[in-house]
Amino acid sequence: MRQKCFEYQYLQTLNERTNLLPAEKSQLQRLIRGYSGESNLDKLVQDYFRHPELVVDDLNLVYQNERIQVDKLIVVGNVVYLIDVKNYQGSYTYQNNSWYCGNKLLTNNIFRQIDRAHDVLMQILYANGLSLEIRRVLIFMDPTVKVEIKQPIVQKILRVEEVAAWLMKLNNETKIHPQENAKRWYDTLTKYSVPPYRPQEDFSSQTKRVLRPGVCCPKCHKFDWTTYRYYLCCCHCGFCQSKEQAYVSTICDHGVLFFKENLKRKELKQFFGKDWSEKYIRTQLKKHFCLLSNHGRSSCYQNKGLKFEYWFKNQQDYFKALERRQKWKKN
């Protein structure tokens, strides 16, 4: 499962608990479209390129103080396919070394990100003695987009309807060009890998904005629940989830919005609101989160700053098993 970038997780969580500012709304929509395009490409690669060991997703690399983010790499033989995904709508033309949307000149060159990533990646490979050719591939994932290239370019442009055939061609090439140094190039890139970018400030810097407290329904994003002994039922859409997962998910949401701080019971109680059990919050902290310092109510726990599905991705079987509690006697 491709992980949403941190900014997406942050704005998604913020949108559930307060009104977004206009700039935040626009950015969230861009992130939603971008993530959708990347996820759709992941599915195509999974279906038509049967070598997951030769694919790396969502790389964040730093070399000589230069930071890059790479959507996807596919390595076949001695060729690295550096893939940048765009989920744009509209009509785009490239001519005279410039991009146009309709008749409007774009100030942001669509090639800039992939060209910069190419230069940094080439430096990394060269510095580590890896003789690999890097080929740039820009993929437009929206089926309605129109792209016209009116001059020679070094980048390969693909529309979504061309991707499956291209991947099958790469898949066939793996039989001709066996991968002998897969571990070497992967280990090399790992040396320069860094955590995804996060802004310097979290929600604690926005003192004039108020968050809606409580447990947010993951289906309809409302906050009214009927509480049973072992699970909760949304009063609006009827969605049910275990009480334990509801609390743990909400603790994670707090961690996303206040990612610069450790988890503390006092702040979590405020985040949940008066209708939720501080005792149960404490129980879930002790059960599922890493204790950093033990000072009673001032105790703090590690904050990874991730949504529940990523923070507890290795414990999903456990939480899925808790769904059985919905069938237990309501008492």
Protein backbone atom coordinates (compact mmCIF):
# COMPACT_ATOMS: atom_id res chain seq x y z
CA MET A 1 0.00 0.00 0.00
CA ARG A 2 1.47 3.33 -1.06
CA GLN A 3 1.67 5.68 1.90
CA LYS A 4 0.12 9.11 1.56
CA CYS A 5 2.69 11.86 1.95
CA PHE A 6 2.75 13.53 5.34
CA GLU A 7 1.17 16.76 4.08
CA TYR A 8 -1.76 14.73 2.70
CA GLN A 9 -2.20 12.95 6.05
CA TYR A 10 -2.03 16.26 7.90
CA LEU A 11 -4.54 18.14 5.71
CA GLN A 12 -6.87 15.14 5.58
CA THR A 13 -6.94 14.96 9.38
CA LEU A 14 -7.24 18.73 9.73
CA ASN A 15 -10.15 18.80 7.27
CA GLU A 16 -12.08 16.39 9.50
CA ARG A 17 -11.81 18.68 12.52
CA THR A 18 -11.92 22.26 11.28
CA ASN A 19 -12.59 24.38 8.19
CA LEU A 20 -9.62 24.45 5.86
CA LEU A 21 -8.24 27.74 4.61
CA PRO A 22 -8.60 28.31 0.84
CA ALA A 23 -4.93 27.52 0.19
CA GLU A 24 -5.21 24.35 2.28
CA LYS A 25 -8.29 23.23 0.33
CA SER A 26 -6.52 23.71 -2.99
CA GLN A 27 -3.43 21.88 -1.80
CA LEU A 28 -5.47 18.97 -0.43
CA GLN A 29 -7.24 18.58 -3.78
CA ARG A 30 -3.88 18.55 -5.58
CA LEU A 31 -2.57 15.92 -3.18
CA ILE A 32 -5.69 13.78 -3.60
CA ARG A 33 -5.32 13.83 -7.39
CA GLY A 34 -1.59 13.15 -7.20
CA TYR A 35 -2.03 10.21 -4.84
CA SER A 36 -4.79 8.78 -7.02
CA GLY A 37 -2.55 8.90 -10.08
CA GLU A 38 0.37 7.27 -8.25
CA SER A 39 -1.87 4.53 -6.82
CA ASN A 40 -3.37 3.78 -10.25
CA LEU A 41 0.11 3.45 -11.69
CA ASP A 42 1.07 1.11 -8.83
CA LYS A 43 -1.82 -1.14 -9.83
CA LEU A 44 -0.72 -1.16 -13.48
CA VAL A 45 2.85 -2.03 -12.50
CA GLN A 46 1.60 -4.81 -10.26
CA ASP A 47 -0.54 -6.23 -13.07
CA TYR A 48 1.87 -5.93 -16.01
CA PHE A 49 5.40 -5.91 -14.55
CA ARG A 50 5.87 -9.09 -12.53
CA HIS A 51 9.12 -8.22 -10.79
CA PRO A 52 8.41 -6.27 -7.59
CA GLU A 53 12.05 -6.72 -6.52
CA LEU A 54 13.02 -4.39 -9.39
CA VAL A 55 10.60 -1.63 -8.37
CA VAL A 56 11.11 1.06 -5.73
CA ASP A 57 8.35 3.50 -4.80
CA ASP A 58 8.34 6.94 -3.21
CA LEU A 59 12.04 7.50 -2.63
CA ASN A 60 13.29 10.47 -0.65
CA LEU A 61 17.03 10.94 -1.20
CA VAL A 62 19.63 13.49 -0.12
CA TYR A 63 23.02 13.89 -1.77
CA GLN A 64 25.38 16.81 -1.05
CA ASN A 65 22.54 18.81 0.53
CA GLU A 66 20.32 18.26 -2.51
CA ARG A 67 17.00 16.61 -1.69
CA ILE A 68 14.79 14.83 -4.23
CA GLN A 69 11.58 12.83 -4.17
CA VAL A 70 11.08 10.04 -6.73
CA ASP A 71 7.64 8.58 -7.48
CA LYS A 72 8.92 5.27 -8.84
CA LEU A 73 12.03 3.53 -10.10
CA ILE A 74 12.10 0.41 -12.28
CA VAL A 75 15.50 -1.16 -12.96
CA VAL A 76 15.89 -3.56 -15.89
CA GLY A 77 19.40 -4.78 -16.65
CA ASN A 78 21.65 -1.71 -16.58
CA VAL A 79 18.82 0.78 -17.17
CA VAL A 80 17.09 2.75 -14.43
CA TYR A 81 13.67 4.05 -15.45
CA LEU A 82 13.07 7.19 -13.40
CA ILE A 83 9.30 7.71 -13.37
CA ASP A 84 7.44 10.90 -12.53
CA VAL A 85 3.64 10.70 -12.32
CA LYS A 86 1.32 13.57 -13.24
CA ASN A 87 -2.45 13.35 -12.84
CA TYR A 88 -3.16 16.61 -14.64
CA GLN A 89 -6.29 17.57 -16.54
CA GLY A 90 -6.43 19.80 -19.60
CA SER A 91 -4.39 20.29 -22.78
CA TYR A 92 -0.60 20.69 -22.58
CA THR A 93 1.91 21.62 -25.27
CA TYR A 94 5.70 21.63 -25.09
CA GLN A 95 7.49 23.89 -27.58
CA ASN A 96 10.38 26.36 -27.54
CA ASN A 97 11.61 24.71 -24.30
CA SER A 98 8.43 25.78 -22.49
CA TRP A 99 5.17 24.18 -21.39
CA TYR A 100 1.77 25.65 -22.18
CA CYS A 101 -1.64 24.79 -20.78
CA GLY A 102 -3.99 25.81 -23.54
CA ASN A 103 -2.51 29.14 -24.66
CA LYS A 104 -1.12 30.00 -21.22
CA LEU A 105 2.61 29.77 -20.60
CA LEU A 106 3.31 27.75 -17.45
CA THR A 107 5.78 29.30 -15.03
CA ASN A 108 6.52 25.85 -13.61
CA ASN A 109 8.29 23.60 -16.12
CA ILE A 110 6.69 20.14 -15.87
CA PHE A 111 10.09 18.57 -16.63
CA ARG A 112 11.83 20.37 -13.75
CA GLN A 113 11.19 17.77 -11.05
CA ILE A 114 12.22 14.75 -13.09
CA ASP A 115 15.26 16.52 -14.59
CA ARG A 116 16.51 17.54 -11.14
CA ALA A 117 15.91 14.03 -9.79
CA HIS A 118 17.83 12.65 -12.77
CA ASP A 119 20.86 14.84 -12.06
CA VAL A 120 21.02 13.97 -8.34
CA LEU A 121 20.41 10.25 -8.95
CA MET A 122 23.15 10.18 -11.58
CA GLN A 123 25.60 11.74 -9.11
CA ILE A 124 24.73 9.10 -6.49
CA LEU A 125 25.24 6.21 -8.91
CA TYR A 126 28.49 7.66 -10.28
CA ALA A 127 29.90 8.31 -6.80
CA ASN A 128 29.27 4.68 -5.90
CA GLY A 129 30.74 3.18 -9.05
CA LEU A 130 27.42 2.02 -10.51
CA SER A 131 27.38 2.12 -14.30
CA LEU A 132 23.65 2.44 -14.92
CA GLU A 133 21.85 4.42 -17.58
CA ILE A 134 19.00 6.60 -16.32
CA ARG A 135 16.00 7.11 -18.59
CA ARG A 136 13.39 9.69 -17.64
CA VAL A 137 9.72 8.70 -18.05
CA LEU A 138 6.91 11.19 -17.47
CA ILE A 139 3.50 9.52 -17.20
CA PHE A 140 0.19 11.42 -17.49
CA MET A 141 -2.43 9.33 -15.67
CA ASP A 142 -5.66 11.21 -16.40
CA PRO A 143 -7.30 9.57 -19.47
CA THR A 144 -8.75 12.91 -20.63
CA VAL A 145 -5.45 14.82 -20.72
CA LYS A 146 -4.05 15.97 -24.05
CA VAL A 147 -0.29 16.29 -24.50
CA GLU A 148 1.49 17.55 -27.61
CA ILE A 149 5.30 17.64 -27.91
CA LYS A 150 6.54 19.93 -30.68
CA GLN A 151 10.31 19.57 -30.30
CA PRO A 152 12.82 16.79 -29.60
CA ILE A 153 13.11 15.86 -25.91
CA VAL A 154 15.21 13.46 -23.84
CA GLN A 155 12.28 12.47 -21.63
CA LYS A 156 9.83 9.75 -22.62
CA ILE A 157 6.17 10.82 -22.42
CA LEU A 158 3.46 8.22 -21.81
CA ARG A 159 -0.30 8.58 -21.50
CA VAL A 160 -2.14 6.17 -19.24
CA GLU A 161 -3.44 4.10 -22.16
CA GLU A 162 0.16 3.44 -23.27
CA VAL A 163 1.48 2.31 -19.89
CA ALA A 164 0.36 -1.35 -19.93
CA ALA A 165 2.09 -2.09 -23.26
CA TRP A 166 5.26 -0.31 -22.09
CA LEU A 167 5.32 -2.32 -18.86
CA MET A 168 4.83 -5.60 -20.69
CA LYS A 169 7.78 -4.67 -22.92
CA LEU A 170 9.91 -4.06 -19.82
CA ASN A 171 8.72 -7.34 -18.35
CA ASN A 172 9.92 -9.19 -21.46
CA GLU A 173 13.27 -7.38 -21.30
CA THR A 174 13.93 -8.81 -17.83
CA LYS A 175 14.28 -12.22 -19.51
CA ILE A 176 16.93 -10.85 -21.86
CA HIS A 177 18.75 -8.70 -19.31
CA PRO A 178 18.92 -10.57 -16.00
CA GLN A 179 19.39 -8.35 -12.98
CA GLU A 180 22.73 -9.20 -11.39
CA ASN A 181 23.29 -6.17 -9.17
CA ALA A 182 19.80 -5.58 -7.75
CA LYS A 183 20.96 -5.71 -4.15
CA ARG A 184 23.89 -3.40 -4.85
CA TRP A 185 21.91 -0.55 -6.39
CA TYR A 186 19.14 -0.93 -3.82
CA ASP A 187 21.61 -0.85 -0.92
CA THR A 188 23.32 2.17 -2.48
CA LEU A 189 20.10 4.16 -2.66
CA THR A 190 19.21 3.13 0.88
CA LYS A 191 22.38 4.85 2.12
CA TYR A 192 21.02 8.19 0.90
CA SER A 193 17.40 7.62 1.90
CA VAL A 194 15.83 10.11 4.34
CA PRO A 195 12.40 10.39 5.98
CA PRO A 196 9.71 12.18 3.94
CA TYR A 197 9.65 15.95 4.23
CA ARG A 198 7.68 17.55 7.05
CA PRO A 199 7.06 21.26 7.65
CA GLN A 200 8.71 23.03 10.56
CA GLU A 201 5.46 23.88 12.36
CA ASP A 202 2.57 21.69 13.46
CA PHE A 203 -0.98 22.71 14.47
CA SER A 204 0.15 23.97 17.87
CA SER A 205 1.42 27.13 16.14
CA GLN A 206 -2.12 27.99 14.96
CA THR A 207 -3.45 29.31 18.24
CA LYS A 208 -6.58 30.97 16.80
CA ARG A 209 -8.03 27.86 15.15
CA VAL A 210 -10.22 25.40 17.03
CA LEU A 211 -10.41 21.66 16.44
CA ARG A 212 -13.57 19.63 16.83
CA PRO A 213 -12.95 17.09 19.64
CA GLY A 214 -13.94 13.44 19.71
CA VAL A 215 -13.71 10.31 17.58
CA CYS A 216 -14.21 10.92 13.86
CA CYS A 217 -16.12 8.31 11.87
CA PRO A 218 -13.76 7.08 9.11
CA LYS A 219 -16.71 6.58 6.76
CA CYS A 220 -18.87 9.74 7.04
CA HIS A 221 -16.53 11.94 9.14
CA LYS A 222 -19.20 12.71 11.75
CA PHE A 223 -18.57 12.64 15.49
CA ASP A 224 -21.74 11.20 17.06
CA TRP A 225 -21.59 7.62 18.29
CA THR A 226 -23.61 5.10 20.22
CA THR A 227 -21.23 3.43 22.65
CA TYR A 228 -21.41 -0.23 23.57
CA ARG A 229 -19.07 -2.13 25.83
CA TYR A 230 -16.69 -3.31 23.11
CA TYR A 231 -17.48 -1.20 20.05
CA LEU A 232 -18.95 2.05 18.73
CA CYS A 233 -21.69 2.61 16.17
CA CYS A 234 -21.92 5.85 14.18
CA CYS A 235 -25.29 7.57 14.68
CA HIS A 236 -25.20 8.97 11.11
CA CYS A 237 -24.07 6.17 8.79
CA GLY A 238 -24.22 3.08 11.02
CA PHE A 239 -20.52 2.31 10.63
CA CYS A 240 -19.18 0.21 13.52
CA GLN A 241 -15.67 -0.24 14.80
CA SER A 242 -14.10 -1.67 17.91
CA LYS A 243 -13.76 0.70 20.80
CA GLU A 244 -10.07 -0.08 21.00
CA GLN A 245 -9.38 0.81 17.38
CA ALA A 246 -11.47 3.98 17.63
CA TYR A 247 -9.35 5.22 20.51
CA VAL A 248 -6.04 4.19 18.95
CA SER A 249 -6.97 5.83 15.61
CA THR A 250 -7.89 9.06 17.37
CA ILE A 251 -4.60 9.07 19.27
CA CYS A 252 -2.84 8.70 15.90
CA ASP A 253 -4.85 11.63 14.47
CA HIS A 254 -3.70 13.79 17.37
CA GLY A 255 -0.14 12.69 16.61
CA VAL A 256 -0.49 13.76 12.97
CA LEU A 257 -1.70 17.27 13.81
CA PHE A 258 0.78 17.76 16.67
CA PHE A 259 3.64 15.84 15.10
CA LYS A 260 6.37 17.87 16.81
CA GLU A 261 5.25 16.83 20.29
CA ASN A 262 5.30 13.55 22.20
CA LEU A 263 1.94 12.04 23.14
CA LYS A 264 0.65 13.12 26.57
CA ARG A 265 -2.54 12.20 28.36
CA LYS A 266 -3.53 15.80 29.14
CA GLU A 267 -3.42 16.94 25.52
CA LEU A 268 -5.08 13.74 24.34
CA LYS A 269 -7.95 14.19 26.79
CA GLN A 270 -8.56 17.66 25.34
CA PHE A 271 -8.41 16.22 21.81
CA PHE A 272 -10.99 13.55 22.66
CA GLY A 273 -13.28 15.89 24.64
CA LYS A 274 -15.30 15.45 27.80
CA ASP A 275 -17.45 12.54 26.57
CA TRP A 276 -14.53 10.13 26.21
CA SER A 277 -12.79 8.10 28.92
CA GLU A 278 -9.40 9.30 30.11
CA LYS A 279 -8.93 5.92 31.78
CA TYR A 280 -9.41 4.14 28.44
CA ILE A 281 -7.01 6.58 26.75
CA ARG A 282 -4.41 5.66 29.35
CA THR A 283 -5.06 1.96 28.82
CA GLN A 284 -4.51 2.23 25.05
CA LEU A 285 -1.39 4.33 25.46
CA LYS A 286 0.14 1.68 27.71
CA LYS A 287 -0.93 -1.14 25.41
CA HIS A 288 -0.01 0.21 21.98
CA PHE A 289 2.42 3.13 22.29
CA CYS A 290 6.07 3.32 23.31
CA LEU A 291 6.61 4.96 26.70
CA LEU A 292 9.41 7.55 26.67
CA SER A 293 9.17 8.89 30.22
CA ASN A 294 7.08 7.77 33.19
CA HIS A 295 5.88 10.67 35.34
CA GLY A 296 2.23 9.85 36.07
CA ARG A 297 -0.12 12.17 34.20
CA SER A 298 2.90 13.91 32.67
CA SER A 299 4.17 10.69 31.12
CA CYS A 300 4.88 10.93 27.41
CA TYR A 301 4.81 8.41 24.59
CA GLN A 302 6.51 8.25 21.21
CA ASN A 303 4.74 10.12 18.43
CA LYS A 304 5.41 8.84 14.91
CA GLY A 305 3.05 11.44 13.43
CA LEU A 306 1.30 8.95 11.14
CA LYS A 307 -2.29 7.98 10.43
CA PHE A 308 -3.47 4.74 12.04
CA GLU A 309 -3.22 2.63 8.87
CA TYR A 310 0.49 3.47 8.54
CA TRP A 311 1.47 3.61 12.21
CA PHE A 312 -0.05 0.18 12.84
CA LYS A 313 0.37 -1.37 9.40
CA ASN A 314 2.08 -4.41 10.96
CA GLN A 315 -0.74 -4.93 13.47
CA GLN A 316 -3.67 -4.86 11.07
CA ASP A 317 -4.49 -8.53 11.67
CA TYR A 318 -4.87 -7.82 15.37
CA PHE A 319 -7.23 -4.91 14.85
CA LYS A 320 -9.17 -6.78 12.18
CA ALA A 321 -9.76 -9.58 14.69
CA LEU A 322 -11.33 -7.02 17.03
CA GLU A 323 -14.18 -6.60 14.53
CA ARG A 324 -15.65 -9.80 15.92
CA ARG A 325 -16.58 -7.86 19.01
CA GLN A 326 -19.32 -6.12 17.04
CA LYS A 327 -21.24 -9.41 17.12
CA TRP A 328 -20.97 -9.80 20.87
CA LYS A 329 -23.88 -9.06 23.15
CA LYS A 330 -24.48 -5.34 23.53
CA ASN A 331 -23.98 -4.57 27.21
